[in-house]
Amino acid sequence: MIKVALEGVEVFAYHGFYPEEQKIGTRFLIDVQVSFQQKGSFADDTLNHTVNYEELYTIIKEEMTITRKVIETAAEAILERVKTAFTFIETAEVTIKKQNPPFNSPIKQSIISLSYQK
């Protein structure tokens, strides 16, 4: 089993249930991990038999620019696009960490995670 991941992709976005969250925005950290069975050889030294993590990064950045009320919706959109782009993956996990969510007490981050298994 091969695993490919991006960890800690940092974006500034305007997700939040409350209107003020969608106005001021905040930092998010996103992790995406996928796994798949190796088909073919890596001897050709190309991206033909693996997941291109540059494409993963592009998916994350594009989906995080779309303002949503709940970050679960953003995670689901990322997961669906990853599954479409790389139909051979067997598992995938998307984790979004909202930095300093707006509470009356200091909180480092709120975290959601969605998983897929073929």
N, C-alpha and C. Protein backbone atom coordinates (compact mmCIF):
# COMPACT_ATOMS: atom_id res chain seq x y z
N MET A 1 0.86 -1.18 0.00
CA MET A 1 0.00 0.00 0.00
C MET A 1 0.90 1.23 0.00
N ILE A 2 0.59 2.17 -0.88
CA ILE A 2 1.32 3.44 -0.98
C ILE A 2 0.47 4.52 -0.30
N LYS A 3 1.11 5.38 0.47
CA LYS A 3 0.42 6.53 1.06
C LYS A 3 1.06 7.81 0.54
N VAL A 4 0.21 8.75 0.17
CA VAL A 4 0.65 10.08 -0.25
C VAL A 4 -0.14 11.07 0.59
N ALA A 5 0.53 12.08 1.12
CA ALA A 5 -0.17 13.02 1.99
C ALA A 5 0.41 14.43 1.87
N LEU A 6 -0.44 15.38 2.14
CA LEU A 6 -0.04 16.77 2.39
C LEU A 6 -0.49 17.08 3.81
N GLU A 7 0.38 17.66 4.59
CA GLU A 7 0.06 17.96 5.98
C GLU A 7 0.30 19.43 6.27
N GLY A 8 -0.69 20.05 6.87
CA GLY A 8 -0.54 21.44 7.29
C GLY A 8 -0.60 22.46 6.18
N VAL A 9 -1.42 22.20 5.16
CA VAL A 9 -1.60 23.21 4.11
C VAL A 9 -2.34 24.38 4.75
N GLU A 10 -1.71 25.53 4.77
CA GLU A 10 -2.27 26.69 5.45
C GLU A 10 -2.98 27.61 4.46
N VAL A 11 -4.23 27.93 4.78
CA VAL A 11 -5.00 28.86 3.96
C VAL A 11 -5.74 29.84 4.88
N PHE A 12 -5.97 31.02 4.38
CA PHE A 12 -6.82 31.99 5.07
C PHE A 12 -8.15 31.97 4.33
N ALA A 13 -9.24 31.70 5.06
CA ALA A 13 -10.53 31.55 4.39
C ALA A 13 -11.64 32.14 5.27
N TYR A 14 -12.82 32.19 4.71
CA TYR A 14 -13.95 32.88 5.33
C TYR A 14 -15.09 31.92 5.65
N HIS A 15 -14.77 30.76 6.18
CA HIS A 15 -15.79 29.78 6.57
C HIS A 15 -16.25 30.08 7.98
N GLY A 16 -17.53 29.89 8.22
CA GLY A 16 -18.05 30.06 9.57
C GLY A 16 -19.56 30.19 9.55
N PHE A 17 -20.17 29.67 10.59
CA PHE A 17 -21.62 29.71 10.68
C PHE A 17 -22.13 31.14 10.93
N TYR A 18 -21.33 31.92 11.65
CA TYR A 18 -21.76 33.26 12.02
C TYR A 18 -21.26 34.29 11.01
N PRO A 19 -22.10 35.30 10.72
CA PRO A 19 -21.72 36.30 9.71
C PRO A 19 -20.36 36.95 9.96
N GLU A 20 -20.03 37.22 11.23
CA GLU A 20 -18.75 37.86 11.51
C GLU A 20 -17.57 36.97 11.13
N GLU A 21 -17.74 35.65 11.23
CA GLU A 21 -16.67 34.74 10.81
C GLU A 21 -16.44 34.84 9.31
N GLN A 22 -17.53 35.01 8.56
CA GLN A 22 -17.42 35.11 7.11
C GLN A 22 -16.90 36.47 6.68
N LYS A 23 -16.90 37.44 7.57
CA LYS A 23 -16.35 38.77 7.25
C LYS A 23 -14.86 38.86 7.59
N ILE A 24 -14.49 38.38 8.78
CA ILE A 24 -13.09 38.56 9.21
C ILE A 24 -12.18 37.43 8.77
N GLY A 25 -12.74 36.22 8.58
CA GLY A 25 -11.93 35.08 8.16
C GLY A 25 -10.99 34.59 9.24
N THR A 26 -10.32 33.50 8.96
CA THR A 26 -9.35 32.93 9.89
C THR A 26 -8.43 31.96 9.15
N ARG A 27 -7.41 31.50 9.85
CA ARG A 27 -6.47 30.52 9.28
C ARG A 27 -7.01 29.11 9.46
N PHE A 28 -6.78 28.30 8.45
CA PHE A 28 -7.12 26.88 8.49
C PHE A 28 -5.89 26.08 8.11
N LEU A 29 -5.74 24.92 8.73
CA LEU A 29 -4.71 23.96 8.35
C LEU A 29 -5.41 22.72 7.84
N ILE A 30 -5.01 22.25 6.66
CA ILE A 30 -5.67 21.11 6.03
C ILE A 30 -4.66 20.00 5.80
N ASP A 31 -5.07 18.78 6.16
CA ASP A 31 -4.29 17.57 5.88
C ASP A 31 -5.11 16.69 4.95
N VAL A 32 -4.47 16.15 3.93
CA VAL A 32 -5.11 15.17 3.05
C VAL A 32 -4.16 13.99 2.90
N GLN A 33 -4.69 12.80 3.15
CA GLN A 33 -3.90 11.58 2.99
C GLN A 33 -4.69 10.59 2.15
N VAL A 34 -4.03 9.98 1.18
CA VAL A 34 -4.66 8.95 0.35
C VAL A 34 -3.75 7.72 0.33
N SER A 35 -4.36 6.58 0.06
CA SER A 35 -3.56 5.36 -0.09
C SER A 35 -4.11 4.55 -1.26
N PHE A 36 -3.22 3.77 -1.85
CA PHE A 36 -3.59 2.97 -3.02
C PHE A 36 -2.59 1.84 -3.19
N GLN A 37 -2.99 0.83 -3.93
CA GLN A 37 -2.10 -0.28 -4.26
C GLN A 37 -1.23 0.14 -5.44
N GLN A 38 0.02 -0.19 -5.36
CA GLN A 38 0.93 0.14 -6.46
C GLN A 38 0.57 -0.69 -7.68
N LYS A 39 0.40 0.00 -8.79
CA LYS A 39 0.13 -0.66 -10.07
C LYS A 39 1.21 -0.18 -11.02
N GLY A 40 2.05 -1.07 -11.45
CA GLY A 40 3.16 -0.67 -12.31
C GLY A 40 4.37 -0.34 -11.47
N SER A 41 5.39 0.08 -12.16
CA SER A 41 6.68 0.35 -11.53
C SER A 41 6.93 1.85 -11.47
N PHE A 42 7.67 2.25 -10.45
CA PHE A 42 8.10 3.63 -10.36
C PHE A 42 9.40 3.85 -11.14
N ALA A 43 9.87 2.81 -11.82
CA ALA A 43 11.15 2.88 -12.54
C ALA A 43 11.13 3.94 -13.65
N ASP A 44 9.93 4.24 -14.18
CA ASP A 44 9.88 5.26 -15.24
C ASP A 44 10.04 6.67 -14.68
N ASP A 45 10.04 6.81 -13.34
CA ASP A 45 10.30 8.08 -12.67
C ASP A 45 9.35 9.19 -13.12
N THR A 46 8.06 8.84 -13.25
CA THR A 46 7.03 9.81 -13.64
C THR A 46 5.89 9.76 -12.63
N LEU A 47 4.88 10.56 -12.85
CA LEU A 47 3.71 10.58 -11.98
C LEU A 47 2.61 9.62 -12.45
N ASN A 48 2.93 8.76 -13.41
CA ASN A 48 1.92 7.89 -14.01
C ASN A 48 1.31 6.88 -13.05
N HIS A 49 2.01 6.52 -11.98
CA HIS A 49 1.54 5.46 -11.10
C HIS A 49 1.37 5.93 -9.66
N THR A 50 1.13 7.21 -9.49
CA THR A 50 1.01 7.75 -8.14
C THR A 50 0.02 8.91 -8.11
N VAL A 51 -0.15 9.48 -6.94
CA VAL A 51 -1.00 10.65 -6.76
C VAL A 51 -0.10 11.89 -6.80
N ASN A 52 -0.44 12.81 -7.65
CA ASN A 52 0.32 14.05 -7.78
C ASN A 52 -0.09 14.99 -6.64
N TYR A 53 0.81 15.21 -5.69
CA TYR A 53 0.44 16.04 -4.54
C TYR A 53 0.30 17.51 -4.90
N GLU A 54 0.83 17.93 -6.03
CA GLU A 54 0.58 19.29 -6.50
C GLU A 54 -0.90 19.45 -6.86
N GLU A 55 -1.47 18.40 -7.44
CA GLU A 55 -2.90 18.43 -7.76
C GLU A 55 -3.74 18.40 -6.48
N LEU A 56 -3.30 17.64 -5.48
CA LEU A 56 -3.98 17.66 -4.18
C LEU A 56 -4.01 19.08 -3.62
N TYR A 57 -2.86 19.74 -3.68
CA TYR A 57 -2.74 21.11 -3.18
C TYR A 57 -3.71 22.05 -3.91
N THR A 58 -3.79 21.93 -5.22
CA THR A 58 -4.68 22.77 -6.02
C THR A 58 -6.13 22.55 -5.62
N ILE A 59 -6.52 21.30 -5.42
CA ILE A 59 -7.89 20.99 -5.00
C ILE A 59 -8.19 21.66 -3.66
N ILE A 60 -7.28 21.52 -2.72
CA ILE A 60 -7.47 22.13 -1.39
C ILE A 60 -7.64 23.64 -1.52
N LYS A 61 -6.72 24.29 -2.21
CA LYS A 61 -6.76 25.75 -2.33
C LYS A 61 -8.05 26.22 -3.00
N GLU A 62 -8.46 25.55 -4.08
CA GLU A 62 -9.67 25.96 -4.79
C GLU A 62 -10.92 25.80 -3.93
N GLU A 63 -11.04 24.67 -3.26
CA GLU A 63 -12.24 24.42 -2.45
C GLU A 63 -12.30 25.32 -1.23
N MET A 64 -11.16 25.66 -0.66
CA MET A 64 -11.16 26.51 0.53
C MET A 64 -11.48 27.97 0.20
N THR A 65 -11.42 28.36 -1.07
CA THR A 65 -11.79 29.73 -1.43
C THR A 65 -13.31 29.93 -1.50
N ILE A 66 -14.06 28.84 -1.52
CA ILE A 66 -15.52 28.91 -1.57
C ILE A 66 -16.04 29.01 -0.14
N THR A 67 -16.65 30.15 0.21
CA THR A 67 -17.12 30.36 1.58
C THR A 67 -18.27 29.41 1.90
N ARG A 68 -18.15 28.77 3.06
CA ARG A 68 -19.16 27.83 3.52
C ARG A 68 -19.44 28.08 5.00
N LYS A 69 -20.64 27.70 5.44
CA LYS A 69 -20.99 27.91 6.84
C LYS A 69 -20.31 26.89 7.76
N VAL A 70 -20.20 25.65 7.31
CA VAL A 70 -19.56 24.63 8.15
C VAL A 70 -18.39 24.01 7.40
N ILE A 71 -17.31 23.75 8.12
CA ILE A 71 -16.11 23.24 7.46
C ILE A 71 -16.26 21.79 7.01
N GLU A 72 -17.27 21.10 7.54
CA GLU A 72 -17.55 19.75 7.06
C GLU A 72 -17.89 19.77 5.57
N THR A 73 -18.59 20.81 5.13
CA THR A 73 -18.94 20.95 3.72
C THR A 73 -17.70 21.12 2.86
N ALA A 74 -16.74 21.89 3.34
CA ALA A 74 -15.48 22.07 2.61
C ALA A 74 -14.70 20.75 2.55
N ALA A 75 -14.65 20.04 3.66
CA ALA A 75 -13.94 18.75 3.70
C ALA A 75 -14.58 17.75 2.74
N GLU A 76 -15.90 17.72 2.71
CA GLU A 76 -16.61 16.81 1.81
C GLU A 76 -16.32 17.15 0.35
N ALA A 77 -16.29 18.43 0.02
CA ALA A 77 -16.00 18.85 -1.36
C ALA A 77 -14.58 18.46 -1.76
N ILE A 78 -13.63 18.65 -0.85
CA ILE A 78 -12.24 18.25 -1.12
C ILE A 78 -12.17 16.75 -1.34
N LEU A 79 -12.81 15.99 -0.46
CA LEU A 79 -12.79 14.53 -0.56
C LEU A 79 -13.38 14.05 -1.88
N GLU A 80 -14.50 14.62 -2.28
CA GLU A 80 -15.14 14.21 -3.54
C GLU A 80 -14.26 14.53 -4.74
N ARG A 81 -13.63 15.67 -4.74
CA ARG A 81 -12.74 16.02 -5.87
C ARG A 81 -11.51 15.12 -5.92
N VAL A 82 -10.98 14.77 -4.76
CA VAL A 82 -9.82 13.86 -4.72
C VAL A 82 -10.22 12.49 -5.27
N LYS A 83 -11.39 12.00 -4.87
CA LYS A 83 -11.87 10.70 -5.37
C LYS A 83 -12.07 10.73 -6.88
N THR A 84 -12.56 11.84 -7.41
CA THR A 84 -12.78 11.98 -8.85
C THR A 84 -11.46 12.07 -9.61
N ALA A 85 -10.52 12.82 -9.06
CA ALA A 85 -9.23 13.02 -9.74
C ALA A 85 -8.37 11.76 -9.74
N PHE A 86 -8.49 10.96 -8.69
CA PHE A 86 -7.64 9.78 -8.54
C PHE A 86 -8.53 8.58 -8.24
N THR A 87 -9.15 8.05 -9.28
CA THR A 87 -10.14 6.99 -9.12
C THR A 87 -9.56 5.70 -8.57
N PHE A 88 -8.26 5.55 -8.60
CA PHE A 88 -7.61 4.32 -8.13
C PHE A 88 -7.33 4.32 -6.63
N ILE A 89 -7.56 5.43 -5.94
CA ILE A 89 -7.26 5.43 -4.50
C ILE A 89 -8.23 4.51 -3.76
N GLU A 90 -7.74 3.91 -2.69
CA GLU A 90 -8.56 2.99 -1.89
C GLU A 90 -9.05 3.64 -0.61
N THR A 91 -8.27 4.56 -0.07
CA THR A 91 -8.70 5.29 1.12
C THR A 91 -8.28 6.75 0.98
N ALA A 92 -9.02 7.58 1.68
CA ALA A 92 -8.67 9.00 1.73
C ALA A 92 -9.18 9.58 3.04
N GLU A 93 -8.45 10.56 3.53
CA GLU A 93 -8.89 11.27 4.73
C GLU A 93 -8.56 12.75 4.57
N VAL A 94 -9.54 13.57 4.91
CA VAL A 94 -9.37 15.03 4.87
C VAL A 94 -9.63 15.54 6.29
N THR A 95 -8.67 16.29 6.80
CA THR A 95 -8.80 16.90 8.13
C THR A 95 -8.64 18.41 7.98
N ILE A 96 -9.58 19.14 8.56
CA ILE A 96 -9.50 20.60 8.54
C ILE A 96 -9.45 21.09 9.98
N LYS A 97 -8.46 21.94 10.25
CA LYS A 97 -8.27 22.50 11.59
C LYS A 97 -8.47 24.01 11.51
N LYS A 98 -9.52 24.48 12.14
CA LYS A 98 -9.81 25.92 12.18
C LYS A 98 -9.04 26.52 13.35
N GLN A 99 -8.14 27.43 13.05
CA GLN A 99 -7.28 28.02 14.07
C GLN A 99 -8.02 29.10 14.86
N ASN A 100 -7.89 29.05 16.18
CA ASN A 100 -8.48 30.06 17.07
C ASN A 100 -9.95 30.32 16.79
N PRO A 101 -10.81 29.29 16.89
CA PRO A 101 -12.24 29.52 16.64
C PRO A 101 -12.79 30.54 17.65
N PRO A 102 -13.82 31.29 17.24
CA PRO A 102 -14.32 32.39 18.07
C PRO A 102 -15.18 31.92 19.24
N PHE A 103 -14.55 31.67 20.37
CA PHE A 103 -15.26 31.32 21.60
C PHE A 103 -14.90 32.35 22.66
N ASN A 104 -15.58 32.29 23.78
CA ASN A 104 -15.27 33.20 24.88
C ASN A 104 -14.06 32.74 25.68
N SER A 105 -13.40 31.73 25.21
CA SER A 105 -12.23 31.18 25.88
C SER A 105 -11.20 30.84 24.82
N PRO A 106 -9.92 30.98 25.14
CA PRO A 106 -8.91 30.65 24.13
C PRO A 106 -8.93 29.16 23.77
N ILE A 107 -9.08 28.89 22.50
CA ILE A 107 -9.04 27.52 21.98
C ILE A 107 -8.09 27.52 20.80
N LYS A 108 -7.15 26.60 20.81
CA LYS A 108 -6.14 26.54 19.75
C LYS A 108 -6.77 26.27 18.39
N GLN A 109 -7.63 25.25 18.32
CA GLN A 109 -8.22 24.90 17.03
C GLN A 109 -9.42 23.98 17.22
N SER A 110 -10.34 24.04 16.27
CA SER A 110 -11.41 23.05 16.17
C SER A 110 -11.07 22.18 14.97
N ILE A 111 -11.39 20.90 15.06
CA ILE A 111 -10.94 19.94 14.04
C ILE A 111 -12.10 19.07 13.60
N ILE A 112 -12.20 18.88 12.28
CA ILE A 112 -13.11 17.87 11.73
C ILE A 112 -12.31 17.00 10.77
N SER A 113 -12.78 15.77 10.62
CA SER A 113 -12.09 14.83 9.74
C SER A 113 -13.12 13.96 9.04
N LEU A 114 -12.96 13.79 7.73
CA LEU A 114 -13.82 12.90 6.95
C LEU A 114 -12.95 11.85 6.29
N SER A 115 -13.46 10.61 6.26
CA SER A 115 -12.70 9.51 5.67
C SER A 115 -13.51 8.82 4.58
N TYR A 116 -12.80 8.19 3.68
CA TYR A 116 -13.39 7.40 2.60
C TYR A 116 -12.64 6.10 2.49
N GLN A 117 -13.37 5.01 2.30
CA GLN A 117 -12.75 3.72 2.01
C GLN A 117 -13.54 3.04 0.91
N LYS A 118 -12.83 2.63 -0.12
CA LYS A 118 -13.47 1.98 -1.27
C LYS A 118 -14.06 0.65 -0.86
